[in-house]
Amino acid sequence: MSVLAAERWGDAGPPVVLVHGSLSSAAAAFGEQKVLADRYRLIAPYRRGYSPSPATGRIDPDRDARDIVELLGDGAHLVGTSMGGVVAMRAAALAPDKVWSLTVIEPPAMPNAAGRPEADKLIEGLREHWAQADPADLEAFAAGFLRTLNVSMELPSPLPPPLAEAVRNLTTERPWETGVPLAQLAATTFPKLVVTGGGTPGFEDVADVLAEELPGKRVLFEGSPHAVQRIGERFNDELLAHLTAAGEPGR
């Protein structure tokens, strides 16, 4: 049994595991996907460090990936947004036989795009932010992080407890180091979908590399937020087409 708490939407249909990113959590990240519960069983875990899952002193994407593998059961579709996309890709590399399809939304797999101009700028910006920011000042840390990503988002002050928890987790991450095993993933046969919103040029570089190397379908929803799944229907239509085409291998 998984140690992670999870939102579960839908009683029937193929399972879809949804992995949230750093400044959100399961219910908040995937609220727009709950409408898909009429045809899929949606499982949205809270990663370690995000209540009500177990606390952690440090975010570890590899440990998170092992946690996600436990939720795949005999097989499932896998979706990850932001750092959840990195976790999902690492999980898929660990257990490719359990993955029916993979969808990633602006994952910070920065090392994989090193050498591309905008990715290099973002890598340097992230390094500088972590080196200069005070991790104890959660509001300033989060605001500086969002500026580095070129994300326009006004944070509440004071930060509500779930967001403060998420920012504390973020301070322990090292997103310029969170690469994914592209060669292993390229050897798999399940379909891949790579989604971006056009707001962070460095993430566009990453997505281009992923789409080329995995290989995968590349979709840009221009003008969308970093968490592109939050645009709702347009994203859901693309995801549904991807899931439907993948089917349920082995069943």
Protein backbone atom coordinates (compact mmCIF):
# COMPACT_ATOMS: atom_id res chain seq x y z
CA MET A 1 0.00 0.00 0.00
CA SER A 2 1.26 3.47 -0.86
CA VAL A 3 2.42 5.74 1.95
CA LEU A 4 1.03 8.71 0.06
CA ALA A 5 -2.37 10.26 0.64
CA ALA A 6 -4.25 10.82 -2.62
CA GLU A 7 -7.33 12.37 -4.13
CA ARG A 8 -9.35 9.75 -5.98
CA TRP A 9 -11.97 10.83 -8.49
CA GLY A 10 -14.04 8.34 -10.46
CA ASP A 11 -15.16 4.79 -9.70
CA ALA A 12 -14.59 3.08 -13.04
CA GLY A 13 -12.44 3.18 -16.13
CA PRO A 14 -8.69 3.04 -16.71
CA PRO A 15 -6.52 4.57 -13.97
CA VAL A 16 -4.67 7.85 -14.52
CA VAL A 17 -2.02 8.90 -11.98
CA LEU A 18 -1.60 12.69 -11.77
CA VAL A 19 1.61 14.05 -10.19
CA HIS A 20 1.63 17.64 -8.92
CA GLY A 21 4.50 20.11 -8.97
CA SER A 22 6.22 22.29 -6.38
CA LEU A 23 3.97 25.24 -5.59
CA SER A 24 0.73 23.31 -5.58
CA SER A 25 -0.65 20.00 -4.45
CA ALA A 26 -2.97 17.31 -5.73
CA ALA A 27 -6.42 18.89 -5.44
CA ALA A 28 -5.28 22.37 -6.42
CA ALA A 29 -3.13 21.26 -9.34
CA PHE A 30 -5.68 19.00 -11.02
CA GLY A 31 -9.04 20.47 -10.13
CA GLU A 32 -9.79 21.10 -13.82
CA GLN A 33 -9.29 17.41 -14.60
CA LYS A 34 -11.97 16.14 -12.18
CA VAL A 35 -14.47 16.28 -15.05
CA LEU A 36 -12.63 13.32 -16.61
CA ALA A 37 -13.76 11.10 -13.73
CA ASP A 38 -16.80 10.05 -15.74
CA ARG A 39 -14.55 7.84 -17.87
CA TYR A 40 -11.27 7.42 -15.93
CA ARG A 41 -10.24 6.61 -12.38
CA LEU A 42 -8.09 9.59 -11.41
CA ILE A 43 -5.48 9.17 -8.68
CA ALA A 44 -3.79 12.40 -7.61
CA PRO A 45 -1.27 11.74 -4.81
CA TYR A 46 0.18 14.32 -2.46
CA ARG A 47 3.94 13.97 -2.79
CA ARG A 48 6.01 13.61 0.39
CA GLY A 49 6.19 16.90 2.24
CA TYR A 50 2.69 17.92 1.13
CA SER A 51 0.00 17.33 3.74
CA PRO A 52 -1.63 14.93 4.38
CA SER A 53 1.20 12.74 3.02
CA PRO A 54 4.24 12.14 5.27
CA ALA A 55 6.51 15.09 6.00
CA THR A 56 10.06 15.24 4.68
CA GLY A 57 13.10 17.37 5.37
CA ARG A 58 14.09 17.42 1.71
CA ILE A 59 12.37 16.83 -1.60
CA ASP A 60 13.90 13.85 -3.40
CA PRO A 61 12.58 13.28 -6.96
CA ASP A 62 13.95 9.73 -7.05
CA ARG A 63 12.15 8.78 -3.83
CA ASP A 64 9.04 10.48 -5.20
CA ALA A 65 9.38 8.42 -8.38
CA ARG A 66 9.47 5.19 -6.38
CA ASP A 67 6.35 6.32 -4.53
CA ILE A 68 4.58 6.92 -7.84
CA VAL A 69 5.54 3.48 -9.18
CA GLU A 70 3.64 1.95 -6.24
CA LEU A 71 0.49 3.77 -7.38
CA LEU A 72 0.68 2.48 -10.96
CA GLY A 73 -0.56 -0.95 -9.93
CA ASP A 74 -0.68 -3.32 -12.90
CA GLY A 75 -0.68 -0.37 -15.29
CA ALA A 76 -1.90 3.21 -15.61
CA HIS A 77 -1.62 6.39 -17.61
CA LEU A 78 0.83 8.84 -16.03
CA VAL A 79 0.61 12.65 -16.04
CA GLY A 80 3.02 15.06 -14.34
CA THR A 81 3.12 18.84 -14.13
CA SER A 82 6.25 20.92 -13.41
CA MET A 83 8.49 19.01 -10.96
CA GLY A 84 5.80 16.34 -11.04
CA GLY A 85 6.73 15.87 -14.70
CA VAL A 86 10.32 15.08 -13.72
CA VAL A 87 9.03 12.67 -11.07
CA ALA A 88 6.69 11.05 -13.61
CA MET A 89 9.47 10.57 -16.15
CA ARG A 90 11.77 9.04 -13.56
CA ALA A 91 8.95 6.75 -12.44
CA ALA A 92 8.27 5.73 -16.05
CA ALA A 93 11.95 4.84 -16.49
CA LEU A 94 11.80 2.67 -13.34
CA ALA A 95 8.68 0.75 -14.38
CA PRO A 96 8.03 1.18 -18.12
CA ASP A 97 5.91 -1.98 -18.22
CA LYS A 98 3.38 -0.29 -15.92
CA VAL A 99 3.02 2.91 -17.96
CA TRP A 100 0.36 3.04 -20.69
CA SER A 101 1.06 6.64 -21.67
CA LEU A 102 3.08 9.57 -20.36
CA THR A 103 2.10 13.26 -20.36
CA VAL A 104 4.45 15.94 -19.00
CA ILE A 105 3.63 19.62 -18.56
CA GLU A 106 6.60 22.02 -18.49
CA PRO A 107 8.90 19.71 -16.49
CA PRO A 108 12.15 21.36 -15.27
CA ALA A 109 14.39 18.69 -16.76
CA MET A 110 16.99 21.41 -17.14
CA PRO A 111 20.18 19.31 -17.57
CA ASN A 112 18.65 17.61 -20.61
CA ALA A 113 18.44 20.95 -22.44
CA ALA A 114 21.83 22.32 -21.33
CA GLY A 115 23.53 24.06 -24.26
CA ARG A 116 20.32 25.57 -25.59
CA PRO A 117 20.33 29.35 -25.02
CA GLU A 118 17.10 29.85 -23.10
CA ALA A 119 17.60 26.71 -21.02
CA ASP A 120 21.08 27.88 -20.08
CA LYS A 121 19.69 31.28 -19.03
CA LEU A 122 17.09 29.62 -16.84
CA ILE A 123 19.64 27.25 -15.30
CA GLU A 124 21.83 30.21 -14.39
CA GLY A 125 18.86 32.19 -13.07
CA LEU A 126 17.77 29.31 -10.85
CA ARG A 127 21.28 28.80 -9.50
CA GLU A 128 21.57 32.51 -8.70
CA HIS A 129 18.20 32.64 -6.99
CA TRP A 130 18.98 29.70 -4.71
CA ALA A 131 22.43 31.15 -3.92
CA GLN A 132 21.14 34.62 -3.05
CA ALA A 133 17.65 34.14 -1.60
CA ASP A 134 16.96 33.64 2.09
CA PRO A 135 15.13 30.29 2.44
CA ALA A 136 13.65 31.47 5.73
CA ASP A 137 11.79 34.30 3.99
CA LEU A 138 9.23 32.15 2.24
CA GLU A 139 7.29 34.99 0.60
CA ALA A 140 10.40 36.54 -0.93
CA PHE A 141 11.77 33.15 -1.97
CA ALA A 142 8.56 32.23 -3.81
CA ALA A 143 8.25 35.64 -5.46
CA GLY A 144 11.84 35.51 -6.69
CA PHE A 145 11.38 31.99 -7.99
CA LEU A 146 8.34 33.01 -10.00
CA ARG A 147 10.19 36.01 -11.44
CA THR A 148 12.99 33.69 -12.51
CA LEU A 149 10.44 31.60 -14.39
CA ASN A 150 8.83 34.72 -15.89
CA VAL A 151 5.56 33.71 -14.22
CA SER A 152 3.15 36.50 -13.29
CA MET A 153 1.37 35.40 -10.14
CA GLU A 154 0.46 37.48 -7.12
CA LEU A 155 0.99 35.53 -3.93
CA PRO A 156 -1.22 36.07 -0.87
CA SER A 157 0.42 37.62 2.18
CA PRO A 158 0.80 36.03 4.58
CA LEU A 159 1.11 32.74 2.73
CA PRO A 160 -1.67 30.32 3.71
CA PRO A 161 -0.31 27.21 5.46
CA PRO A 162 -0.49 24.84 2.43
CA LEU A 163 1.40 27.33 0.26
CA ALA A 164 3.95 28.03 2.98
CA GLU A 165 4.51 24.27 3.25
CA ALA A 166 4.98 24.05 -0.52
CA VAL A 167 7.51 26.91 -0.56
CA ARG A 168 9.48 25.30 2.28
CA ASN A 169 9.65 22.16 0.16
CA LEU A 170 10.73 24.22 -2.84
CA THR A 171 13.70 25.67 -0.96
CA THR A 172 15.11 22.13 -0.64
CA GLU A 173 14.91 21.42 -4.38
CA ARG A 174 17.67 21.94 -6.94
CA PRO A 175 15.74 22.26 -10.22
CA TRP A 176 18.85 22.93 -12.31
CA GLU A 177 19.97 19.38 -11.44
CA THR A 178 16.72 17.47 -12.08
CA GLY A 179 17.45 15.73 -15.34
CA VAL A 180 15.65 12.66 -16.61
CA PRO A 181 16.96 9.42 -18.22
CA LEU A 182 16.09 10.20 -21.83
CA ALA A 183 17.90 7.20 -23.31
CA GLN A 184 15.91 4.80 -21.12
CA LEU A 185 12.64 6.57 -21.90
CA ALA A 186 13.40 6.63 -25.62
CA ALA A 187 13.64 2.84 -25.55
CA THR A 188 10.05 2.52 -24.30
CA THR A 189 7.03 2.08 -26.54
CA PHE A 190 4.26 3.94 -24.67
CA PRO A 191 3.06 7.22 -26.24
CA LYS A 192 4.44 10.50 -24.88
CA LEU A 193 2.87 13.97 -24.85
CA VAL A 194 4.87 17.11 -24.00
CA VAL A 195 2.86 20.25 -23.19
CA THR A 196 3.91 23.87 -22.61
CA GLY A 197 2.23 27.25 -22.23
CA GLY A 198 4.82 29.52 -23.84
CA GLY A 199 5.54 31.66 -20.79
CA THR A 200 9.01 30.43 -19.78
CA PRO A 201 11.45 30.23 -22.72
CA GLY A 202 13.75 27.85 -20.84
CA PHE A 203 10.93 25.36 -20.43
CA GLU A 204 10.21 25.62 -24.15
CA ASP A 205 13.81 24.55 -24.82
CA VAL A 206 13.39 21.61 -22.45
CA ALA A 207 10.14 20.55 -24.09
CA ASP A 208 11.70 20.73 -27.56
CA VAL A 209 14.48 18.39 -26.45
CA LEU A 210 12.06 15.98 -24.81
CA ALA A 211 9.79 15.85 -27.85
CA GLU A 212 12.77 15.19 -30.11
CA GLU A 213 14.50 12.61 -27.95
CA LEU A 214 11.67 10.60 -26.38
CA PRO A 215 10.16 11.10 -29.04
CA GLY A 216 6.78 12.60 -28.19
CA LYS A 217 3.99 14.78 -29.45
CA ARG A 218 4.71 18.45 -28.75
CA VAL A 219 1.77 20.75 -27.95
CA LEU A 220 2.02 24.47 -27.17
CA PHE A 221 -0.97 26.28 -25.66
CA GLU A 222 0.36 29.78 -26.24
CA GLY A 223 -0.40 32.26 -23.47
CA SER A 224 -1.24 29.61 -20.88
CA PRO A 225 0.03 29.51 -17.27
CA HIS A 226 2.98 27.36 -16.22
CA ALA A 227 0.48 24.79 -14.93
CA VAL A 228 -1.12 24.41 -18.35
CA GLN A 229 -3.64 21.81 -17.16
CA ARG A 230 -5.43 24.63 -15.37
CA ILE A 231 -6.78 26.00 -18.67
CA GLY A 232 -9.31 23.16 -18.51
CA GLU A 233 -11.21 22.10 -21.61
CA ARG A 234 -8.59 22.71 -24.31
CA PHE A 235 -5.96 20.81 -22.33
CA ASN A 236 -8.42 18.10 -21.36
CA ASP A 237 -9.39 17.53 -25.00
CA GLU A 238 -5.73 17.04 -25.94
CA LEU A 239 -5.16 14.74 -22.97
CA LEU A 240 -8.27 12.68 -23.75
CA ALA A 241 -7.14 12.18 -27.33
CA HIS A 242 -3.73 11.04 -26.05
CA LEU A 243 -5.20 8.63 -23.48
CA THR A 244 -7.74 7.23 -25.93
CA ALA A 245 -5.09 6.58 -28.58
CA ALA A 246 -2.85 4.84 -26.05
CA GLY A 247 -5.63 2.56 -24.80
CA GLU A 248 -4.88 -0.07 -22.16
CA PRO A 249 -1.94 -2.19 -23.38
CA GLY A 250 -2.15 -5.81 -22.36
CA ARG A 251 -5.87 -5.67 -21.54
